[in-house]
Amino acid sequence: MSLSLTDVVRCDFRTSRAADELNARFQGLLGLPHRYGPARLALGRSLGLSTKPTLELTNLGLGKSIRGEHLFGQGLELATWTCLIVQHANVADVSRQQLQALVAAHWHRGIYLLWEDWKASGYEFDKFVARLVRHSQNKRST
């Protein structure tokens, strides 16, 4: 059975506890009002890599959940995020559990990539944003 966008809106998504703690740290550092802000940045950062992320949550512990409607928004925004994640995984049909696992892995990998970008930018917001822009430009040119 195919997963519908209505199902995605109702799903809860989470990543590892450590990645969720780093997500909260980024929320404060970047002055973002909602937990989904850094999570979306992390997902985008991870989706910019061609390799599939892997994550085994069994021993890592789970972070707090974010409802699909908050993490991805609604309408076109929801459809876009869902399509990007499914397309990156190169699967024709995805279950709720598979999508939750993909999101957890991308979120985990992405938040740590963002942390490396933050450190490499000397903990300066403008340099951090410029670095993210360069990553996106490099992805488009490949």
Foldseek 3Di string as FASTA:
>chain_A
DFDDLVNLQADWAWAFQVLLVLLVVVCVLVVPPDSLPLLLQLLVQLLLDLDQFADDRPPRHIHDIDGSCVNQNDDPSSVVSQCSQCVSVVDDGDDPVRSRRSSRRSSSRSSVVLVVLCVVQVVDPVSSVVVSVVSVVVSVVD
